[in-house]
Amino acid sequence: MDICYFAAMKRLFNFLRIDIYFTVFIFLLSYLLVINSRIKTDLSLVEILRPDAPLAKFVSAFLILILIKLTIDYFQKKEVLDAYKASTYFKYFGISFILFLLISNLLGLFISTLFNTISRNFNSQTLVLTHLSRSIDFTLYGGLYLAYLFLMENNNYKAEIRKYDNALSSSVIQQLKSQLNPHFLFNNLNTLDELI
């Protein structure tokens, strides 16, 4: 069971192209945001540190990351948007944000219909607060994820450029050596011819 769980997590990390440090950062950020909101209320320390809401926020953050990654993969497969540009990542962000709001509202509507709580969950005040909260979460986690992806892509791009520059300089040196060898040999033969 544990091996299967870790294998699934590894596949998820590989799919999202994130490492354990980014994951721990997202988890700690989720935990701190929930603790911050709970401190403002009159709760005991045990209730403040209870991990239920931070885990839910962490799962929500991962769903945001998965949605953004699926959007990126879809558009890169179609080759509609140019990679390695910051503006491309803003387009991914906008499209993913609209999809996130649409999916979360449809899911909320489905759950509200299931439990017969549409009037409570879909009144104007609740909708405004829910959309504001979702927008902040998406902006925070989605922005961090896109910045992380852009940084990784940029580092990979720079590494490729360095590799090509090294290969180019190596080939230029080889070309110069190949040009130098016949001249060196010819000059030596001329010098020997003059000495004889």
C-alpha atoms as a PDB file:
ATOM      1  CA  MET A   1       0.000   0.000   0.000  1.00  0.00           C
ATOM      2  CA  ASP A   2       2.737   2.473   0.981  1.00  0.00           C
ATOM      3  CA  ILE A   3       4.816   1.650  -2.094  1.00  0.00           C
ATOM      4  CA  CYS A   4       1.810   2.228  -4.339  1.00  0.00           C
ATOM      5  CA  TYR A   5       1.115   5.556  -2.613  1.00  0.00           C
ATOM      6  CA  PHE A   6       4.710   6.733  -3.024  1.00  0.00           C
ATOM      7  CA  ALA A   7       4.773   5.619  -6.651  1.00  0.00           C
ATOM      8  CA  ALA A   8       1.595   7.597  -7.303  1.00  0.00           C
ATOM      9  CA  MET A   9       3.063  10.667  -5.596  1.00  0.00           C
ATOM     10  CA  LYS A  10       6.253  10.334  -7.628  1.00  0.00           C
ATOM     11  CA  ARG A  11       4.213  10.152 -10.852  1.00  0.00           C
ATOM     12  CA  LEU A  12       2.265  13.228  -9.769  1.00  0.00           C
ATOM     13  CA  PHE A  13       5.477  15.145  -9.000  1.00  0.00           C
ATOM     14  CA  ASN A  14       6.933  14.113 -12.360  1.00  0.00           C
ATOM     15  CA  PHE A  15       3.738  15.127 -14.145  1.00  0.00           C
ATOM     16  CA  LEU A  16       3.688  18.514 -12.436  1.00  0.00           C
ATOM     17  CA  ARG A  17       7.480  18.831 -12.845  1.00  0.00           C
ATOM     18  CA  ILE A  18       7.944  19.858  -9.224  1.00  0.00           C
ATOM     19  CA  ASP A  19      10.341  18.697  -6.566  1.00  0.00           C
ATOM     20  CA  ILE A  20       9.836  17.922  -2.900  1.00  0.00           C
ATOM     21  CA  TYR A  21      11.020  21.378  -1.821  1.00  0.00           C
ATOM     22  CA  PHE A  22       8.307  23.130  -3.799  1.00  0.00           C
ATOM     23  CA  THR A  23       5.738  20.703  -2.399  1.00  0.00           C
ATOM     24  CA  VAL A  24       6.848  21.330   1.181  1.00  0.00           C
ATOM     25  CA  PHE A  25       6.756  25.060   0.496  1.00  0.00           C
ATOM     26  CA  ILE A  26       3.162  24.841  -0.781  1.00  0.00           C
ATOM     27  CA  PHE A  27       2.153  22.741   2.227  1.00  0.00           C
ATOM     28  CA  LEU A  28       3.747  25.138   4.727  1.00  0.00           C
ATOM     29  CA  LEU A  29       2.206  28.114   2.969  1.00  0.00           C
ATOM     30  CA  SER A  30      -1.218  26.448   3.136  1.00  0.00           C
ATOM     31  CA  TYR A  31      -0.754  25.697   6.808  1.00  0.00           C
ATOM     32  CA  LEU A  32       0.404  29.223   7.626  1.00  0.00           C
ATOM     33  CA  LEU A  33      -2.481  30.830   5.745  1.00  0.00           C
ATOM     34  CA  VAL A  34      -5.016  28.749   7.648  1.00  0.00           C
ATOM     35  CA  ILE A  35      -3.291  29.378  10.984  1.00  0.00           C
ATOM     36  CA  ASN A  36      -3.287  33.095  10.206  1.00  0.00           C
ATOM     37  CA  SER A  37      -7.026  33.092   9.569  1.00  0.00           C
ATOM     38  CA  ARG A  38      -7.684  31.000  12.686  1.00  0.00           C
ATOM     39  CA  ILE A  39      -5.584  33.214  14.957  1.00  0.00           C
ATOM     40  CA  LYS A  40      -7.936  36.096  14.216  1.00  0.00           C
ATOM     41  CA  THR A  41     -10.774  34.109  15.773  1.00  0.00           C
ATOM     42  CA  ASP A  42     -11.107  33.148  19.410  1.00  0.00           C
ATOM     43  CA  LEU A  43      -9.891  29.538  19.183  1.00  0.00           C
ATOM     44  CA  SER A  44      -7.688  27.455  21.440  1.00  0.00           C
ATOM     45  CA  LEU A  45      -4.161  26.540  20.371  1.00  0.00           C
ATOM     46  CA  VAL A  46      -5.220  22.962  19.617  1.00  0.00           C
ATOM     47  CA  GLU A  47      -8.019  24.199  17.361  1.00  0.00           C
ATOM     48  CA  ILE A  48      -5.681  26.678  15.663  1.00  0.00           C
ATOM     49  CA  LEU A  49      -3.123  23.973  14.842  1.00  0.00           C
ATOM     50  CA  ARG A  50      -5.677  21.337  13.783  1.00  0.00           C
ATOM     51  CA  PRO A  51      -4.603  20.076  10.316  1.00  0.00           C
ATOM     52  CA  ASP A  52      -8.016  19.622   8.668  1.00  0.00           C
ATOM     53  CA  ALA A  53      -8.284  22.950   6.842  1.00  0.00           C
ATOM     54  CA  PRO A  54      -4.577  23.158   5.915  1.00  0.00           C
ATOM     55  CA  LEU A  55      -4.795  19.734   4.299  1.00  0.00           C
ATOM     56  CA  ALA A  56      -7.924  20.760   2.423  1.00  0.00           C
ATOM     57  CA  LYS A  57      -6.194  23.942   1.252  1.00  0.00           C
ATOM     58  CA  PHE A  58      -3.132  21.897   0.247  1.00  0.00           C
ATOM     59  CA  VAL A  59      -5.291  19.507  -1.788  1.00  0.00           C
ATOM     60  CA  SER A  60      -7.034  22.492  -3.349  1.00  0.00           C
ATOM     61  CA  ALA A  61      -3.641  23.976  -4.230  1.00  0.00           C
ATOM     62  CA  PHE A  62      -2.596  20.716  -5.881  1.00  0.00           C
ATOM     63  CA  LEU A  63      -5.824  20.670  -7.875  1.00  0.00           C
ATOM     64  CA  ILE A  64      -4.980  24.169  -9.085  1.00  0.00           C
ATOM     65  CA  LEU A  65      -1.495  22.992 -10.079  1.00  0.00           C
ATOM     66  CA  ILE A  66      -2.927  19.985 -11.920  1.00  0.00           C
ATOM     67  CA  LEU A  67      -5.432  22.163 -13.780  1.00  0.00           C
ATOM     68  CA  ILE A  68      -2.702  24.593 -14.843  1.00  0.00           C
ATOM     69  CA  LYS A  69      -0.447  21.737 -15.950  1.00  0.00           C
ATOM     70  CA  LEU A  70      -3.249  20.157 -17.984  1.00  0.00           C
ATOM     71  CA  THR A  71      -3.920  23.527 -19.632  1.00  0.00           C
ATOM     72  CA  ILE A  72      -0.235  23.965 -20.457  1.00  0.00           C
ATOM     73  CA  ASP A  73       0.023  20.445 -21.862  1.00  0.00           C
ATOM     74  CA  TYR A  74      -3.096  20.926 -23.979  1.00  0.00           C
ATOM     75  CA  PHE A  75      -1.888  24.144 -25.581  1.00  0.00           C
ATOM     76  CA  GLN A  76       1.693  22.966 -26.005  1.00  0.00           C
ATOM     77  CA  LYS A  77       0.437  19.808 -27.699  1.00  0.00           C
ATOM     78  CA  LYS A  78      -1.576  21.974 -30.079  1.00  0.00           C
ATOM     79  CA  GLU A  79       1.455  24.293 -30.384  1.00  0.00           C
ATOM     80  CA  VAL A  80      -0.876  27.271 -30.160  1.00  0.00           C
ATOM     81  CA  LEU A  81       1.233  29.297 -27.738  1.00  0.00           C
ATOM     82  CA  ASP A  82       4.973  29.902 -27.860  1.00  0.00           C
ATOM     83  CA  ALA A  83       6.880  28.461 -24.922  1.00  0.00           C
ATOM     84  CA  TYR A  84       9.727  30.302 -23.141  1.00  0.00           C
ATOM     85  CA  LYS A  85       7.808  33.590 -23.085  1.00  0.00           C
ATOM     86  CA  ALA A  86       6.407  35.176 -19.956  1.00  0.00           C
ATOM     87  CA  SER A  87       3.319  36.325 -21.871  1.00  0.00           C
ATOM     88  CA  THR A  88       2.580  32.697 -22.709  1.00  0.00           C
ATOM     89  CA  TYR A  89       2.516  31.848 -19.026  1.00  0.00           C
ATOM     90  CA  PHE A  90       0.080  34.709 -18.392  1.00  0.00           C
ATOM     91  CA  LYS A  91      -2.189  33.232 -21.058  1.00  0.00           C
ATOM     92  CA  TYR A  92      -1.959  29.821 -19.384  1.00  0.00           C
ATOM     93  CA  PHE A  93      -2.803  31.498 -16.098  1.00  0.00           C
ATOM     94  CA  GLY A  94      -5.863  33.290 -17.489  1.00  0.00           C
ATOM     95  CA  ILE A  95      -7.264  30.261 -19.262  1.00  0.00           C
ATOM     96  CA  SER A  96      -6.668  28.055 -16.220  1.00  0.00           C
ATOM     97  CA  PHE A  97      -8.286  30.640 -13.949  1.00  0.00           C
ATOM     98  CA  ILE A  98     -11.469  30.720 -16.019  1.00  0.00           C
ATOM     99  CA  LEU A  99     -11.552  26.914 -16.116  1.00  0.00           C
ATOM    100  CA  PHE A 100     -10.968  26.756 -12.350  1.00  0.00           C
ATOM    101  CA  LEU A 101     -13.875  29.092 -11.607  1.00  0.00           C
ATOM    102  CA  LEU A 102     -16.122  27.246 -14.034  1.00  0.00           C
ATOM    103  CA  ILE A 103     -15.266  23.798 -12.665  1.00  0.00           C
ATOM    104  CA  SER A 104     -15.457  24.862  -9.017  1.00  0.00           C
ATOM    105  CA  ASN A 105     -18.841  26.539  -9.564  1.00  0.00           C
ATOM    106  CA  LEU A 106     -20.225  23.521 -11.402  1.00  0.00           C
ATOM    107  CA  LEU A 107     -18.928  21.217  -8.691  1.00  0.00           C
ATOM    108  CA  GLY A 108     -20.391  23.498  -6.009  1.00  0.00           C
ATOM    109  CA  LEU A 109     -23.721  23.554  -7.828  1.00  0.00           C
ATOM    110  CA  PHE A 110     -23.716  19.763  -8.078  1.00  0.00           C
ATOM    111  CA  ILE A 111     -22.925  19.324  -4.381  1.00  0.00           C
ATOM    112  CA  SER A 112     -25.473  21.979  -3.387  1.00  0.00           C
ATOM    113  CA  THR A 113     -28.118  20.266  -5.485  1.00  0.00           C
ATOM    114  CA  LEU A 114     -27.201  16.934  -3.946  1.00  0.00           C
ATOM    115  CA  PHE A 115     -27.612  18.260  -0.393  1.00  0.00           C
ATOM    116  CA  ASN A 116     -30.421  20.704  -1.235  1.00  0.00           C
ATOM    117  CA  THR A 117     -28.435  23.766  -0.104  1.00  0.00           C
ATOM    118  CA  ILE A 118     -28.560  25.880  -3.267  1.00  0.00           C
ATOM    119  CA  SER A 119     -30.251  28.844  -1.578  1.00  0.00           C
ATOM    120  CA  ARG A 120     -27.602  28.919   1.153  1.00  0.00           C
ATOM    121  CA  ASN A 121     -24.544  28.370  -1.068  1.00  0.00           C
ATOM    122  CA  PHE A 122     -25.552  30.398  -4.105  1.00  0.00           C
ATOM    123  CA  ASN A 123     -26.811  33.668  -2.661  1.00  0.00           C
ATOM    124  CA  SER A 124     -25.044  36.884  -3.654  1.00  0.00           C
ATOM    125  CA  GLN A 125     -22.978  37.301  -0.475  1.00  0.00           C
ATOM    126  CA  THR A 126     -21.750  33.704  -0.451  1.00  0.00           C
ATOM    127  CA  LEU A 127     -20.941  33.815  -4.158  1.00  0.00           C
ATOM    128  CA  VAL A 128     -18.895  36.990  -3.799  1.00  0.00           C
ATOM    129  CA  LEU A 129     -16.940  35.654  -0.829  1.00  0.00           C
ATOM    130  CA  THR A 130     -16.439  32.262  -2.462  1.00  0.00           C
ATOM    131  CA  HIS A 131     -15.215  33.779  -5.722  1.00  0.00           C
ATOM    132  CA  LEU A 132     -12.927  36.152  -3.869  1.00  0.00           C
ATOM    133  CA  SER A 133     -11.447  33.307  -1.836  1.00  0.00           C
ATOM    134  CA  ARG A 134     -11.025  31.098  -4.906  1.00  0.00           C
ATOM    135  CA  SER A 135      -9.477  33.959  -6.857  1.00  0.00           C
ATOM    136  CA  ILE A 136      -6.961  34.665  -4.112  1.00  0.00           C
ATOM    137  CA  ASP A 137      -6.080  30.983  -3.778  1.00  0.00           C
ATOM    138  CA  PHE A 138      -5.725  30.547  -7.521  1.00  0.00           C
ATOM    139  CA  THR A 139      -3.642  33.692  -7.870  1.00  0.00           C
ATOM    140  CA  LEU A 140      -1.365  32.697  -5.022  1.00  0.00           C
ATOM    141  CA  TYR A 141      -0.823  29.027  -5.809  1.00  0.00           C
ATOM    142  CA  GLY A 142      -1.154  29.331  -9.567  1.00  0.00           C
ATOM    143  CA  GLY A 143       1.191  32.297  -9.676  1.00  0.00           C
ATOM    144  CA  LEU A 144       3.793  30.494  -7.596  1.00  0.00           C
ATOM    145  CA  TYR A 145       3.502  27.397  -9.759  1.00  0.00           C
ATOM    146  CA  LEU A 146       3.782  29.302 -13.028  1.00  0.00           C
ATOM    147  CA  ALA A 147       6.739  31.276 -11.696  1.00  0.00           C
ATOM    148  CA  TYR A 148       8.353  27.992 -10.662  1.00  0.00           C
ATOM    149  CA  LEU A 149       7.690  26.438 -14.087  1.00  0.00           C
ATOM    150  CA  PHE A 150       8.969  29.531 -15.877  1.00  0.00           C
ATOM    151  CA  LEU A 151      12.125  29.463 -13.757  1.00  0.00           C
ATOM    152  CA  MET A 152      12.675  25.770 -14.519  1.00  0.00           C
ATOM    153  CA  GLU A 153      12.037  26.278 -18.252  1.00  0.00           C
ATOM    154  CA  ASN A 154      14.354  29.275 -18.268  1.00  0.00           C
ATOM    155  CA  ASN A 155      17.103  27.310 -16.496  1.00  0.00           C
ATOM    156  CA  ASN A 156      16.706  24.425 -18.957  1.00  0.00           C
ATOM    157  CA  TYR A 157      16.791  26.854 -21.875  1.00  0.00           C
ATOM    158  CA  LYS A 158      19.967  28.494 -20.549  1.00  0.00           C
ATOM    159  CA  ALA A 159      21.573  25.072 -20.046  1.00  0.00           C
ATOM    160  CA  GLU A 160      20.749  24.158 -23.656  1.00  0.00           C
ATOM    161  CA  ILE A 161      22.232  27.431 -24.880  1.00  0.00           C
ATOM    162  CA  ARG A 162      25.413  26.804 -22.855  1.00  0.00           C
ATOM    163  CA  LYS A 163      25.620  23.290 -24.282  1.00  0.00           C
ATOM    164  CA  TYR A 164      25.238  24.596 -27.838  1.00  0.00           C
ATOM    165  CA  ASP A 165      27.752  27.376 -27.212  1.00  0.00           C
ATOM    166  CA  ASN A 166      30.274  24.854 -25.899  1.00  0.00           C
ATOM    167  CA  ALA A 167      29.677  22.591 -28.886  1.00  0.00           C
ATOM    168  CA  LEU A 168      30.003  25.547 -31.245  1.00  0.00           C
ATOM    169  CA  SER A 169      33.236  26.774 -29.684  1.00  0.00           C
ATOM    170  CA  SER A 170      34.606  23.232 -29.727  1.00  0.00           C
ATOM    171  CA  SER A 171      33.767  22.852 -33.407  1.00  0.00           C
ATOM    172  CA  VAL A 172      35.313  26.258 -34.184  1.00  0.00           C
ATOM    173  CA  ILE A 173      38.513  25.205 -32.414  1.00  0.00           C
ATOM    174  CA  GLN A 174      38.552  21.929 -34.348  1.00  0.00           C
ATOM    175  CA  GLN A 175      38.013  23.808 -37.592  1.00  0.00           C
ATOM    176  CA  LEU A 176      40.852  26.215 -36.818  1.00  0.00           C
ATOM    177  CA  LYS A 177      43.140  23.316 -35.935  1.00  0.00           C
ATOM    178  CA  SER A 178      42.320  21.581 -39.183  1.00  0.00           C
ATOM    179  CA  GLN A 179      43.104  24.781 -41.074  1.00  0.00           C
ATOM    180  CA  LEU A 180      46.277  25.336 -39.090  1.00  0.00           C
ATOM    181  CA  ASN A 181      47.759  21.865 -39.611  1.00  0.00           C
ATOM    182  CA  PRO A 182      48.172  22.050 -43.418  1.00  0.00           C
ATOM    183  CA  HIS A 183      49.669  25.552 -43.187  1.00  0.00           C
ATOM    184  CA  PHE A 184      52.041  24.473 -40.441  1.00  0.00           C
ATOM    185  CA  LEU A 185      53.137  21.451 -42.448  1.00  0.00           C
ATOM    186  CA  PHE A 186      53.519  23.520 -45.631  1.00  0.00           C
ATOM    187  CA  ASN A 187      55.591  26.180 -43.826  1.00  0.00           C
ATOM    188  CA  ASN A 188      57.841  23.545 -42.266  1.00  0.00           C
ATOM    189  CA  LEU A 189      58.391  21.882 -45.628  1.00  0.00           C
ATOM    190  CA  ASN A 190      59.247  25.245 -47.193  1.00  0.00           C
ATOM    191  CA  THR A 191      61.700  25.969 -44.398  1.00  0.00           C
ATOM    192  CA  LEU A 192      63.326  22.565 -44.847  1.00  0.00           C
ATOM    193  CA  ASP A 193      63.456  23.089 -48.605  1.00  0.00           C
ATOM    194  CA  GLU A 194      65.272  26.398 -48.124  1.00  0.00           C
ATOM    195  CA  LEU A 195      67.745  24.832 -45.714  1.00  0.00           C
ATOM    196  CA  ILE A 196      68.605  22.006 -48.100  1.00  0.00           C
END
